Amino acid sequence: MPQILGYVTTGERAAFDAYALSLGLDVTALANLLILRELRAPRLPELAARYDTAGPAGDRTKIVAHTRTPEIKGLFAAHAASAALKPSRAAAILFRAELEERWLGTHVLPVNRFDSL
């Protein structure tokens, strides 16, 4: 299965894991949703200006999106290249942005408080 990797800090990874859990998703499903959203509604150059940060080199771990087809991986690689980024760097930017924006949790998958009681 084709993969898209994003390298983030261990703290960002822990936050991403918790965020995925809060949405009822596994980590790769959340990563896939963010990549597909980017392919359909591109914001990468804008996001790169804000979220292209890296922590200490030793404090790195990866988030893996297992894509269904090689075409998605290729489209994302081309999209990242159009923003002068490698796919792994572009993915990390998307993951960091979502951790701050919480767009999926706020606009797409909000918790129905009545169902959660």
PDB file of N, CA and C in Angstrom:
ATOM      1  N   MET A   1       0.851  -1.176   0.000  1.00  0.00           N
ATOM      2  CA  MET A   1       0.000   0.000   0.000  1.00  0.00           C
ATOM      3  C   MET A   1       0.895   1.236   0.000  1.00  0.00           C
ATOM      4  N   PRO A   2       0.687   2.165  -0.933  1.00  0.00           N
ATOM      5  CA  PRO A   2       1.507   3.374  -0.992  1.00  0.00           C
ATOM      6  C   PRO A   2       1.377   4.201   0.292  1.00  0.00           C
ATOM      7  N   GLN A   3       2.464   4.848   0.655  1.00  0.00           N
ATOM      8  CA  GLN A   3       2.479   5.634   1.887  1.00  0.00           C
ATOM      9  C   GLN A   3       2.937   7.063   1.624  1.00  0.00           C
ATOM     10  N   ILE A   4       2.394   7.974   2.413  1.00  0.00           N
ATOM     11  CA  ILE A   4       2.881   9.351   2.470  1.00  0.00           C
ATOM     12  C   ILE A   4       3.255   9.588   3.921  1.00  0.00           C
ATOM     13  N   LEU A   5       4.502   9.977   4.138  1.00  0.00           N
ATOM     14  CA  LEU A   5       5.006  10.192   5.488  1.00  0.00           C
ATOM     15  C   LEU A   5       5.118  11.678   5.780  1.00  0.00           C
ATOM     16  N   GLY A   6       4.892  12.015   7.033  1.00  0.00           N
ATOM     17  CA  GLY A   6       5.141  13.368   7.510  1.00  0.00           C
ATOM     18  C   GLY A   6       5.919  13.267   8.807  1.00  0.00           C
ATOM     19  N   TYR A   7       7.046  13.936   8.892  1.00  0.00           N
ATOM     20  CA  TYR A   7       7.884  13.875  10.089  1.00  0.00           C
ATOM     21  C   TYR A   7       7.580  15.061  10.987  1.00  0.00           C
ATOM     22  N   VAL A   8       7.208  14.758  12.219  1.00  0.00           N
ATOM     23  CA  VAL A   8       6.812  15.770  13.201  1.00  0.00           C
ATOM     24  C   VAL A   8       7.553  15.507  14.511  1.00  0.00           C
ATOM     25  N   THR A   9       7.432  16.417  15.442  1.00  0.00           N
ATOM     26  CA  THR A   9       8.038  16.195  16.747  1.00  0.00           C
ATOM     27  C   THR A   9       7.226  15.149  17.511  1.00  0.00           C
ATOM     28  N   THR A  10       7.826  14.591  18.541  1.00  0.00           N
ATOM     29  CA  THR A  10       7.109  13.590  19.333  1.00  0.00           C
ATOM     30  C   THR A  10       5.887  14.214  20.014  1.00  0.00           C
ATOM     31  N   GLY A  11       5.996  15.465  20.409  1.00  0.00           N
ATOM     32  CA  GLY A  11       4.850  16.156  21.002  1.00  0.00           C
ATOM     33  C   GLY A  11       3.723  16.358  20.008  1.00  0.00           C
ATOM     34  N   GLU A  12       4.072  16.723  18.779  1.00  0.00           N
ATOM     35  CA  GLU A  12       3.061  16.878  17.723  1.00  0.00           C
ATOM     36  C   GLU A  12       2.409  15.533  17.416  1.00  0.00           C
ATOM     37  N   ARG A  13       3.207  14.478  17.418  1.00  0.00           N
ATOM     38  CA  ARG A  13       2.654  13.144  17.160  1.00  0.00           C
ATOM     39  C   ARG A  13       1.667  12.751  18.254  1.00  0.00           C
ATOM     40  N   ALA A  14       2.015  13.001  19.506  1.00  0.00           N
ATOM     41  CA  ALA A  14       1.112  12.674  20.608  1.00  0.00           C
ATOM     42  C   ALA A  14      -0.186  13.471  20.480  1.00  0.00           C
ATOM     43  N   ALA A  15      -0.075  14.739  20.124  1.00  0.00           N
ATOM     44  CA  ALA A  15      -1.273  15.575  19.942  1.00  0.00           C
ATOM     45  C   ALA A  15      -2.104  15.080  18.762  1.00  0.00           C
ATOM     46  N   PHE A  16      -1.455  14.656  17.691  1.00  0.00           N
ATOM     47  CA  PHE A  16      -2.158  14.137  16.518  1.00  0.00           C
ATOM     48  C   PHE A  16      -2.895  12.850  16.863  1.00  0.00           C
ATOM     49  N   ASP A  17      -2.230  11.970  17.614  1.00  0.00           N
ATOM     50  CA  ASP A  17      -2.872  10.727  18.064  1.00  0.00           C
ATOM     51  C   ASP A  17      -4.126  11.023  18.886  1.00  0.00           C
ATOM     52  N   ALA A  18      -4.005  11.955  19.830  1.00  0.00           N
ATOM     53  CA  ALA A  18      -5.136  12.311  20.691  1.00  0.00           C
ATOM     54  C   ALA A  18      -6.263  12.945  19.878  1.00  0.00           C
ATOM     55  N   TYR A  19      -5.903  13.795  18.924  1.00  0.00           N
ATOM     56  CA  TYR A  19      -6.898  14.441  18.075  1.00  0.00           C
ATOM     57  C   TYR A  19      -7.641  13.400  17.236  1.00  0.00           C
ATOM     58  N   ALA A  20      -6.911  12.474  16.634  1.00  0.00           N
ATOM     59  CA  ALA A  20      -7.543  11.409  15.843  1.00  0.00           C
ATOM     60  C   ALA A  20      -8.510  10.620  16.711  1.00  0.00           C
ATOM     61  N   LEU A  21      -8.071  10.246  17.897  1.00  0.00           N
ATOM     62  CA  LEU A  21      -8.920   9.498  18.826  1.00  0.00           C
ATOM     63  C   LEU A  21     -10.188  10.284  19.167  1.00  0.00           C
ATOM     64  N   SER A  22     -10.041  11.589  19.376  1.00  0.00           N
ATOM     65  CA  SER A  22     -11.207  12.415  19.731  1.00  0.00           C
ATOM     66  C   SER A  22     -12.223  12.489  18.595  1.00  0.00           C
ATOM     67  N   LEU A  23     -11.753  12.270  17.363  1.00  0.00           N
ATOM     68  CA  LEU A  23     -12.635  12.278  16.195  1.00  0.00           C
ATOM     69  C   LEU A  23     -13.176  10.895  15.860  1.00  0.00           C
ATOM     70  N   GLY A  24     -12.712   9.888  16.581  1.00  0.00           N
ATOM     71  CA  GLY A  24     -13.127   8.522  16.302  1.00  0.00           C
ATOM     72  C   GLY A  24     -12.427   7.931  15.094  1.00  0.00           C
ATOM     73  N   LEU A  25     -11.230   8.422  14.798  1.00  0.00           N
ATOM     74  CA  LEU A  25     -10.462   7.966  13.642  1.00  0.00           C
ATOM     75  C   LEU A  25      -9.146   7.376  14.097  1.00  0.00           C
ATOM     76  N   ASP A  26      -8.565   6.523  13.246  1.00  0.00           N
ATOM     77  CA  ASP A  26      -7.193   6.145  13.529  1.00  0.00           C
ATOM     78  C   ASP A  26      -6.287   7.180  12.857  1.00  0.00           C
ATOM     79  N   VAL A  27      -5.026   7.150  13.209  1.00  0.00           N
ATOM     80  CA  VAL A  27      -4.085   8.175  12.764  1.00  0.00           C
ATOM     81  C   VAL A  27      -3.970   8.215  11.245  1.00  0.00           C
ATOM     82  N   THR A  28      -3.877   7.057  10.606  1.00  0.00           N
ATOM     83  CA  THR A  28      -3.720   7.058   9.155  1.00  0.00           C
ATOM     84  C   THR A  28      -4.982   7.572   8.454  1.00  0.00           C
ATOM     85  N   ALA A  29      -6.151   7.312   9.025  1.00  0.00           N
ATOM     86  CA  ALA A  29      -7.391   7.835   8.431  1.00  0.00           C
ATOM     87  C   ALA A  29      -7.405   9.362   8.503  1.00  0.00           C
ATOM     88  N   LEU A  30      -7.008   9.912   9.635  1.00  0.00           N
ATOM     89  CA  LEU A  30      -6.943  11.366   9.768  1.00  0.00           C
ATOM     90  C   LEU A  30      -5.920  11.933   8.791  1.00  0.00           C
ATOM     91  N   ALA A  31      -4.757  11.322   8.706  1.00  0.00           N
ATOM     92  CA  ALA A  31      -3.731  11.797   7.781  1.00  0.00           C
ATOM     93  C   ALA A  31      -4.240  11.749   6.340  1.00  0.00           C
ATOM     94  N   ASN A  32      -4.918  10.669   5.968  1.00  0.00           N
ATOM     95  CA  ASN A  32      -5.480  10.560   4.617  1.00  0.00           C
ATOM     96  C   ASN A  32      -6.509  11.651   4.344  1.00  0.00           C
ATOM     97  N   LEU A  33      -7.379  11.903   5.283  1.00  0.00           N
ATOM     98  CA  LEU A  33      -8.383  12.959   5.102  1.00  0.00           C
ATOM     99  C   LEU A  33      -7.733  14.313   4.861  1.00  0.00           C
ATOM    100  N   LEU A  34      -6.688  14.603   5.612  1.00  0.00           N
ATOM    101  CA  LEU A  34      -6.010  15.891   5.454  1.00  0.00           C
ATOM    102  C   LEU A  34      -5.327  15.998   4.096  1.00  0.00           C
ATOM    103  N   ILE A  35      -4.740  14.906   3.634  1.00  0.00           N
ATOM    104  CA  ILE A  35      -4.087  14.914   2.328  1.00  0.00           C
ATOM    105  C   ILE A  35      -5.125  15.055   1.217  1.00  0.00           C
ATOM    106  N   LEU A  36      -6.225  14.317   1.309  1.00  0.00           N
ATOM    107  CA  LEU A  36      -7.281  14.434   0.294  1.00  0.00           C
ATOM    108  C   LEU A  36      -7.912  15.816   0.293  1.00  0.00           C
ATOM    109  N   ARG A  37      -8.113  16.383   1.475  1.00  0.00           N
ATOM    110  CA  ARG A  37      -8.648  17.752   1.537  1.00  0.00           C
ATOM    111  C   ARG A  37      -7.711  18.716   0.826  1.00  0.00           C
ATOM    112  N   GLU A  38      -6.415  18.562   1.059  1.00  0.00           N
ATOM    113  CA  GLU A  38      -5.442  19.448   0.413  1.00  0.00           C
ATOM    114  C   GLU A  38      -5.470  19.312  -1.101  1.00  0.00           C
ATOM    115  N   LEU A  39      -5.642  18.100  -1.596  1.00  0.00           N
ATOM    116  CA  LEU A  39      -5.701  17.903  -3.047  1.00  0.00           C
ATOM    117  C   LEU A  39      -6.954  18.528  -3.648  1.00  0.00           C
ATOM    118  N   ARG A  40      -8.023  18.586  -2.882  1.00  0.00           N
ATOM    119  CA  ARG A  40      -9.285  19.150  -3.389  1.00  0.00           C
ATOM    120  C   ARG A  40      -9.421  20.649  -3.120  1.00  0.00           C
ATOM    121  N   ALA A  41      -8.821  21.121  -2.050  1.00  0.00           N
ATOM    122  CA  ALA A  41      -8.899  22.537  -1.675  1.00  0.00           C
ATOM    123  C   ALA A  41      -7.498  22.995  -1.279  1.00  0.00           C
ATOM    124  N   PRO A  42      -6.633  23.234  -2.261  1.00  0.00           N
ATOM    125  CA  PRO A  42      -5.222  23.497  -1.983  1.00  0.00           C
ATOM    126  C   PRO A  42      -4.981  24.792  -1.200  1.00  0.00           C
ATOM    127  N   ARG A  43      -4.149  24.659  -0.171  1.00  0.00           N
ATOM    128  CA  ARG A  43      -3.714  25.808   0.623  1.00  0.00           C
ATOM    129  C   ARG A  43      -2.246  25.691   1.009  1.00  0.00           C
ATOM    130  N   LEU A  44      -1.539  24.747   0.430  1.00  0.00           N
ATOM    131  CA  LEU A  44      -0.193  24.416   0.877  1.00  0.00           C
ATOM    132  C   LEU A  44       0.763  25.613   0.913  1.00  0.00           C
ATOM    133  N   PRO A  45       0.842  26.450  -0.125  1.00  0.00           N
ATOM    134  CA  PRO A  45       1.771  27.584  -0.029  1.00  0.00           C
ATOM    135  C   PRO A  45       1.458  28.506   1.153  1.00  0.00           C
ATOM    136  N   GLU A  46       0.187  28.762   1.379  1.00  0.00           N
ATOM    137  CA  GLU A  46      -0.229  29.601   2.516  1.00  0.00           C
ATOM    138  C   GLU A  46       0.122  28.930   3.842  1.00  0.00           C
ATOM    139  N   LEU A  47      -0.153  27.638   3.950  1.00  0.00           N
ATOM    140  CA  LEU A  47       0.142  26.910   5.179  1.00  0.00           C
ATOM    141  C   LEU A  47       1.636  26.786   5.426  1.00  0.00           C
ATOM    142  N   ALA A  48       2.412  26.609   4.356  1.00  0.00           N
ATOM    143  CA  ALA A  48       3.867  26.469   4.507  1.00  0.00           C
ATOM    144  C   ALA A  48       4.464  27.708   5.152  1.00  0.00           C
ATOM    145  N   ALA A  49       3.935  28.866   4.812  1.00  0.00           N
ATOM    146  CA  ALA A  49       4.455  30.109   5.390  1.00  0.00           C
ATOM    147  C   ALA A  49       4.258  30.141   6.901  1.00  0.00           C
ATOM    148  N   ARG A  50       3.249  29.453   7.403  1.00  0.00           N
ATOM    149  CA  ARG A  50       2.942  29.473   8.839  1.00  0.00           C
ATOM    150  C   ARG A  50       3.405  28.236   9.594  1.00  0.00           C
ATOM    151  N   TYR A  51       3.428  27.082   8.944  1.00  0.00           N
ATOM    152  CA  TYR A  51       3.636  25.822   9.665  1.00  0.00           C
ATOM    153  C   TYR A  51       4.860  25.035   9.217  1.00  0.00           C
ATOM    154  N   ASP A  52       5.719  25.630   8.424  1.00  0.00           N
ATOM    155  CA  ASP A  52       6.925  24.925   7.999  1.00  0.00           C
ATOM    156  C   ASP A  52       8.011  25.138   9.048  1.00  0.00           C
ATOM    157  N   THR A  53       7.786  24.509  10.189  1.00  0.00           N
ATOM    158  CA  THR A  53       8.729  24.620  11.295  1.00  0.00           C
ATOM    159  C   THR A  53       9.242  23.230  11.622  1.00  0.00           C
ATOM    160  N   ALA A  54      10.394  23.192  12.162  1.00  0.00           N
ATOM    161  CA  ALA A  54      10.956  21.897  12.544  1.00  0.00           C
ATOM    162  C   ALA A  54      11.570  22.038  13.928  1.00  0.00           C
ATOM    163  N   GLY A  55      11.345  21.048  14.728  1.00  0.00           N
ATOM    164  CA  GLY A  55      11.956  21.014  16.045  1.00  0.00           C
ATOM    165  C   GLY A  55      13.355  20.444  15.945  1.00  0.00           C
ATOM    166  N   PRO A  56      13.925  20.087  17.069  1.00  0.00           N
ATOM    167  CA  PRO A  56      15.263  19.492  17.061  1.00  0.00           C
ATOM    168  C   PRO A  56      15.310  18.225  16.206  1.00  0.00           C
ATOM    169  N   ALA A  57      16.415  18.044  15.503  1.00  0.00           N
ATOM    170  CA  ALA A  57      16.549  16.905  14.588  1.00  0.00           C
ATOM    171  C   ALA A  57      16.352  15.564  15.294  1.00  0.00           C
ATOM    172  N   GLY A  58      16.750  15.445  16.537  1.00  0.00           N
ATOM    173  CA  GLY A  58      16.608  14.186  17.255  1.00  0.00           C
ATOM    174  C   GLY A  58      15.199  13.919  17.747  1.00  0.00           C
ATOM    175  N   ASP A  59      14.368  14.932  17.759  1.00  0.00           N
ATOM    176  CA  ASP A  59      12.995  14.805  18.263  1.00  0.00           C
ATOM    177  C   ASP A  59      12.031  14.649  17.093  1.00  0.00           C
ATOM    178  N   ARG A  60      12.176  13.570  16.355  1.00  0.00           N
ATOM    179  CA  ARG A  60      11.375  13.342  15.158  1.00  0.00           C
ATOM    180  C   ARG A  60      10.729  11.969  15.199  1.00  0.00           C
ATOM    181  N   THR A  61       9.503  11.941  14.763  1.00  0.00           N
ATOM    182  CA  THR A  61       8.793  10.684  14.542  1.00  0.00           C
ATOM    183  C   THR A  61       7.904  10.904  13.326  1.00  0.00           C
ATOM    184  N   LYS A  62       7.310   9.844  12.831  1.00  0.00           N
ATOM    185  CA  LYS A  62       6.526  10.001  11.601  1.00  0.00           C
ATOM    186  C   LYS A  62       5.056   9.692  11.818  1.00  0.00           C
ATOM    187  N   ILE A  63       4.277  10.328  10.984  1.00  0.00           N
ATOM    188  CA  ILE A  63       2.864  10.021  10.832  1.00  0.00           C
ATOM    189  C   ILE A  63       2.740   9.464   9.421  1.00  0.00           C
ATOM    190  N   VAL A  64       2.074   8.327   9.289  1.00  0.00           N
ATOM    191  CA  VAL A  64       1.980   7.646   7.998  1.00  0.00           C
ATOM    192  C   VAL A  64       0.537   7.647   7.507  1.00  0.00           C
ATOM    193  N   ALA A  65       0.363   8.088   6.283  1.00  0.00           N
ATOM    194  CA  ALA A  65      -0.920   7.961   5.592  1.00  0.00           C
ATOM    195  C   ALA A  65      -0.762   6.818   4.598  1.00  0.00           C
ATOM    196  N   HIS A  66      -1.531   5.754   4.777  1.00  0.00           N
ATOM    197  CA  HIS A  66      -1.527   4.622   3.849  1.00  0.00           C
ATOM    198  C   HIS A  66      -2.592   4.911   2.799  1.00  0.00           C
ATOM    199  N   THR A  67      -2.157   5.332   1.618  1.00  0.00           N
ATOM    200  CA  THR A  67      -3.117   5.705   0.577  1.00  0.00           C
ATOM    201  C   THR A  67      -3.646   4.466  -0.127  1.00  0.00           C
ATOM    202  N   ARG A  68      -4.822   4.571  -0.673  1.00  0.00           N
ATOM    203  CA  ARG A  68      -5.462   3.430  -1.342  1.00  0.00           C
ATOM    204  C   ARG A  68      -4.836   3.128  -2.695  1.00  0.00           C
ATOM    205  N   THR A  69      -4.343   4.175  -3.361  1.00  0.00           N
ATOM    206  CA  THR A  69      -3.814   3.977  -4.706  1.00  0.00           C
ATOM    207  C   THR A  69      -2.500   4.743  -4.870  1.00  0.00           C
ATOM    208  N   PRO A  70      -1.659   4.274  -5.788  1.00  0.00           N
ATOM    209  CA  PRO A  70      -0.428   5.021  -6.072  1.00  0.00           C
ATOM    210  C   PRO A  70      -0.719   6.387  -6.707  1.00  0.00           C
ATOM    211  N   GLU A  71      -1.886   6.512  -7.340  1.00  0.00           N
ATOM    212  CA  GLU A  71      -2.237   7.783  -7.982  1.00  0.00           C
ATOM    213  C   GLU A  71      -2.339   8.915  -6.954  1.00  0.00           C
ATOM    214  N   ILE A  72      -2.915   8.624  -5.803  1.00  0.00           N
ATOM    215  CA  ILE A  72      -3.030   9.652  -4.761  1.00  0.00           C
ATOM    216  C   ILE A  72      -1.640  10.079  -4.310  1.00  0.00           C
ATOM    217  N   LYS A  73      -0.765   9.124  -4.109  1.00  0.00           N
ATOM    218  CA  LYS A  73       0.606   9.449  -3.710  1.00  0.00           C
ATOM    219  C   LYS A  73       1.277  10.312  -4.782  1.00  0.00           C
ATOM    220  N   GLY A  74       1.091   9.953  -6.038  1.00  0.00           N
ATOM    221  CA  GLY A  74       1.671  10.731  -7.134  1.00  0.00           C
ATOM    222  C   GLY A  74       1.104  12.131  -7.229  1.00  0.00           C
ATOM    223  N   LEU A  75      -0.214  12.243  -7.079  1.00  0.00           N
ATOM    224  CA  LEU A  75      -0.842  13.569  -7.110  1.00  0.00           C
ATOM    225  C   LEU A  75      -0.336  14.445  -5.971  1.00  0.00           C
ATOM    226  N   PHE A  76      -0.180  13.848  -4.788  1.00  0.00           N
ATOM    227  CA  PHE A  76       0.308  14.627  -3.654  1.00  0.00           C
ATOM    228  C   PHE A  76       1.764  15.027  -3.857  1.00  0.00           C
ATOM    229  N   ALA A  77       2.564  14.137  -4.402  1.00  0.00           N
ATOM    230  CA  ALA A  77       3.967  14.462  -4.670  1.00  0.00           C
ATOM    231  C   ALA A  77       4.065  15.622  -5.664  1.00  0.00           C
ATOM    232  N   ALA A  78       3.246  15.590  -6.709  1.00  0.00           N
ATOM    233  CA  ALA A  78       3.247  16.670  -7.700  1.00  0.00           C
ATOM    234  C   ALA A  78       2.763  17.979  -7.078  1.00  0.00           C
ATOM    235  N   HIS A  79       1.748  17.876  -6.240  1.00  0.00           N
ATOM    236  CA  HIS A  79       1.225  19.068  -5.567  1.00  0.00           C
ATOM    237  C   HIS A  79       2.284  19.671  -4.640  1.00  0.00           C
ATOM    238  N   ALA A  80       2.966  18.826  -3.890  1.00  0.00           N
ATOM    239  CA  ALA A  80       4.030  19.317  -2.999  1.00  0.00           C
ATOM    240  C   ALA A  80       5.136  19.965  -3.827  1.00  0.00           C
ATOM    241  N   ALA A  81       5.524  19.335  -4.928  1.00  0.00           N
ATOM    242  CA  ALA A  81       6.577  19.878  -5.784  1.00  0.00           C
ATOM    243  C   ALA A  81       6.191  21.245  -6.347  1.00  0.00           C
ATOM    244  N   SER A  82       4.908  21.430  -6.640  1.00  0.00           N
ATOM    245  CA  SER A  82       4.461  22.726  -7.169  1.00  0.00           C
ATOM    246  C   SER A  82       4.603  23.835  -6.138  1.00  0.00           C
ATOM    247  N   ALA A  83       4.717  23.450  -4.872  1.00  0.00           N
ATOM    248  CA  ALA A  83       4.952  24.421  -3.796  1.00  0.00           C
ATOM    249  C   ALA A  83       6.416  24.381  -3.349  1.00  0.00           C
ATOM    250  N   ALA A  84       7.268  23.731  -4.148  1.00  0.00           N
ATOM    251  CA  ALA A  84       8.704  23.601  -3.870  1.00  0.00           C
ATOM    252  C   ALA A  84       8.970  22.859  -2.559  1.00  0.00           C
ATOM    253  N   LEU A  85       8.171  21.826  -2.300  1.00  0.00           N
ATOM    254  CA  LEU A  85       8.310  21.024  -1.083  1.00  0.00           C
ATOM    255  C   LEU A  85       8.403  19.550  -1.430  1.00  0.00           C
ATOM    256  N   LYS A  86       9.083  18.806  -0.590  1.00  0.00           N
ATOM    257  CA  LYS A  86       9.050  17.352  -0.689  1.00  0.00           C
ATOM    258  C   LYS A  86       7.738  16.879  -0.066  1.00  0.00           C
ATOM    259  N   PRO A  87       7.218  15.726  -0.496  1.00  0.00           N
ATOM    260  CA  PRO A  87       5.940  15.253   0.049  1.00  0.00           C
ATOM    261  C   PRO A  87       5.937  15.099   1.571  1.00  0.00           C
ATOM    262  N   SER A  88       7.019  14.609   2.144  1.00  0.00           N
ATOM    263  CA  SER A  88       7.042  14.422   3.600  1.00  0.00           C
ATOM    264  C   SER A  88       6.984  15.751   4.336  1.00  0.00           C
ATOM    265  N   ARG A  89       7.644  16.750   3.812  1.00  0.00           N
ATOM    266  CA  ARG A  89       7.593  18.079   4.429  1.00  0.00           C
ATOM    267  C   ARG A  89       6.204  18.687   4.274  1.00  0.00           C
ATOM    268  N   ALA A  90       5.613  18.519   3.091  1.00  0.00           N
ATOM    269  CA  ALA A  90       4.267  19.041   2.843  1.00  0.00           C
ATOM    270  C   ALA A  90       3.253  18.375   3.769  1.00  0.00           C
ATOM    271  N   ALA A  91       3.370  17.052   3.939  1.00  0.00           N
ATOM    272  CA  ALA A  91       2.449  16.335   4.826  1.00  0.00           C
ATOM    273  C   ALA A  91       2.581  16.843   6.259  1.00  0.00           C
ATOM    274  N   ALA A  92       3.802  17.024   6.725  1.00  0.00           N
ATOM    275  CA  ALA A  92       4.015  17.524   8.088  1.00  0.00           C
ATOM    276  C   ALA A  92       3.380  18.895   8.273  1.00  0.00           C
ATOM    277  N   ILE A  93       3.458  19.731   7.260  1.00  0.00           N
ATOM    278  CA  ILE A  93       2.829  21.060   7.324  1.00  0.00           C
ATOM    279  C   ILE A  93       1.319  20.919   7.485  1.00  0.00           C
ATOM    280  N   LEU A  94       0.709  20.023   6.707  1.00  0.00           N
ATOM    281  CA  LEU A  94      -0.739  19.807   6.808  1.00  0.00           C
ATOM    282  C   LEU A  94      -1.121  19.299   8.196  1.00  0.00           C
ATOM    283  N   PHE A  95      -0.327  18.395   8.732  1.00  0.00           N
ATOM    284  CA  PHE A  95      -0.623  17.820  10.046  1.00  0.00           C
ATOM    285  C   PHE A  95      -0.512  18.884  11.130  1.00  0.00           C
ATOM    286  N   ARG A  96       0.540  19.707  11.066  1.00  0.00           N
ATOM    287  CA  ARG A  96       0.701  20.784  12.055  1.00  0.00           C
ATOM    288  C   ARG A  96      -0.441  21.805  11.953  1.00  0.00           C
ATOM    289  N   ALA A  97      -0.814  22.139  10.743  1.00  0.00           N
ATOM    290  CA  ALA A  97      -1.889  23.114  10.547  1.00  0.00           C
ATOM    291  C   ALA A  97      -3.191  22.616  11.162  1.00  0.00           C
ATOM    292  N   GLU A  98      -3.517  21.353  10.938  1.00  0.00           N
ATOM    293  CA  GLU A  98      -4.767  20.814  11.476  1.00  0.00           C
ATOM    294  C   GLU A  98      -4.742  20.763  12.995  1.00  0.00           C
ATOM    295  N   LEU A  99      -3.587  20.508  13.573  1.00  0.00           N
ATOM    296  CA  LEU A  99      -3.496  20.500  15.034  1.00  0.00           C
ATOM    297  C   LEU A  99      -3.842  21.862  15.616  1.00  0.00           C
ATOM    298  N   GLU A 100      -3.516  22.919  14.906  1.00  0.00           N
ATOM    299  CA  GLU A 100      -3.870  24.259  15.391  1.00  0.00           C
ATOM    300  C   GLU A 100      -5.285  24.657  14.979  1.00  0.00           C
ATOM    301  N   GLU A 101      -5.641  24.408  13.733  1.00  0.00           N
ATOM    302  CA  GLU A 101      -6.935  24.869  13.219  1.00  0.00           C
ATOM    303  C   GLU A 101      -8.113  24.024  13.684  1.00  0.00           C
ATOM    304  N   ARG A 102      -7.905  22.720  13.833  1.00  0.00           N
ATOM    305  CA  ARG A 102      -8.979  21.794  14.228  1.00  0.00           C
ATOM    306  C   ARG A 102     -10.191  21.888  13.300  1.00  0.00           C
ATOM    307  N   TRP A 103      -9.929  22.058  12.008  1.00  0.00           N
ATOM    308  CA  TRP A 103     -10.992  22.229  11.028  1.00  0.00           C
ATOM    309  C   TRP A 103     -11.908  21.015  10.961  1.00  0.00           C
ATOM    310  N   LEU A 104     -11.332  19.816  10.895  1.00  0.00           N
ATOM    311  CA  LEU A 104     -12.173  18.618  10.815  1.00  0.00           C
ATOM    312  C   LEU A 104     -13.050  18.472  12.052  1.00  0.00           C
ATOM    313  N   GLY A 105     -12.491  18.710  13.208  1.00  0.00           N
ATOM    314  CA  GLY A 105     -13.249  18.571  14.443  1.00  0.00           C
ATOM    315  C   GLY A 105     -14.302  19.642  14.636  1.00  0.00           C
ATOM    316  N   THR A 106     -14.047  20.806  14.091  1.00  0.00           N
ATOM    317  CA  THR A 106     -14.971  21.922  14.267  1.00  0.00           C
ATOM    318  C   THR A 106     -16.044  21.986  13.187  1.00  0.00           C
ATOM    319  N   HIS A 107     -15.643  21.755  11.938  1.00  0.00           N
ATOM    320  CA  HIS A 107     -16.556  21.966  10.817  1.00  0.00           C
ATOM    321  C   HIS A 107     -17.097  20.703  10.162  1.00  0.00           C
ATOM    322  N   VAL A 108     -16.377  19.614  10.283  1.00  0.00           N
ATOM    323  CA  VAL A 108     -16.769  18.408   9.560  1.00  0.00           C
ATOM    324  C   VAL A 108     -17.315  17.331  10.483  1.00  0.00           C
ATOM    325  N   LEU A 109     -16.640  17.083  11.582  1.00  0.00           N
ATOM    326  CA  LEU A 109     -17.019  15.995  12.480  1.00  0.00           C
ATOM    327  C   LEU A 109     -17.288  16.498  13.899  1.00  0.00           C
ATOM    328  N   PRO A 110     -18.098  17.540  14.049  1.00  0.00           N
ATOM    329  CA  PRO A 110     -18.329  18.013  15.415  1.00  0.00           C
ATOM    330  C   PRO A 110     -19.082  16.970  16.240  1.00  0.00           C
ATOM    331  N   VAL A 111     -18.807  16.965  17.509  1.00  0.00           N
ATOM    332  CA  VAL A 111     -19.452  16.027  18.415  1.00  0.00           C
ATOM    333  C   VAL A 111     -20.877  16.497  18.676  1.00  0.00           C
ATOM    334  N   ASN A 112     -21.816  15.592  18.538  1.00  0.00           N
ATOM    335  CA  ASN A 112     -23.202  15.873  18.897  1.00  0.00           C
ATOM    336  C   ASN A 112     -23.305  15.633  20.398  1.00  0.00           C
ATOM    337  N   ARG A 113     -23.465  16.682  21.156  1.00  0.00           N
ATOM    338  CA  ARG A 113     -23.459  16.572  22.617  1.00  0.00           C
ATOM    339  C   ARG A 113     -24.594  15.692  23.128  1.00  0.00           C
ATOM    340  N   PHE A 114     -25.713  15.617  22.430  1.00  0.00           N
ATOM    341  CA  PHE A 114     -26.815  14.785  22.879  1.00  0.00           C
ATOM    342  C   PHE A 114     -26.491  13.294  22.735  1.00  0.00           C
ATOM    343  N   ASP A 115     -25.763  12.962  21.652  1.00  0.00           N
ATOM    344  CA  ASP A 115     -25.382  11.567  21.439  1.00  0.00           C
ATOM    345  C   ASP A 115     -24.271  11.114  22.371  1.00  0.00           C
ATOM    346  N   SER A 116     -23.523  12.064  22.915  1.00  0.00           N
ATOM    347  CA  SER A 116     -22.367  11.682  23.734  1.00  0.00           C
ATOM    348  C   SER A 116     -22.683  11.643  25.223  1.00  0.00           C
ATOM    349  N   LEU A 117     -23.928  11.894  25.598  1.00  0.00           N
ATOM    350  CA  LEU A 117     -24.288  11.852  27.021  1.00  0.00           C
ATOM    351  C   LEU A 117     -24.520  10.450  27.492  1.00  0.00           C
TER     352      LEU A 117
END
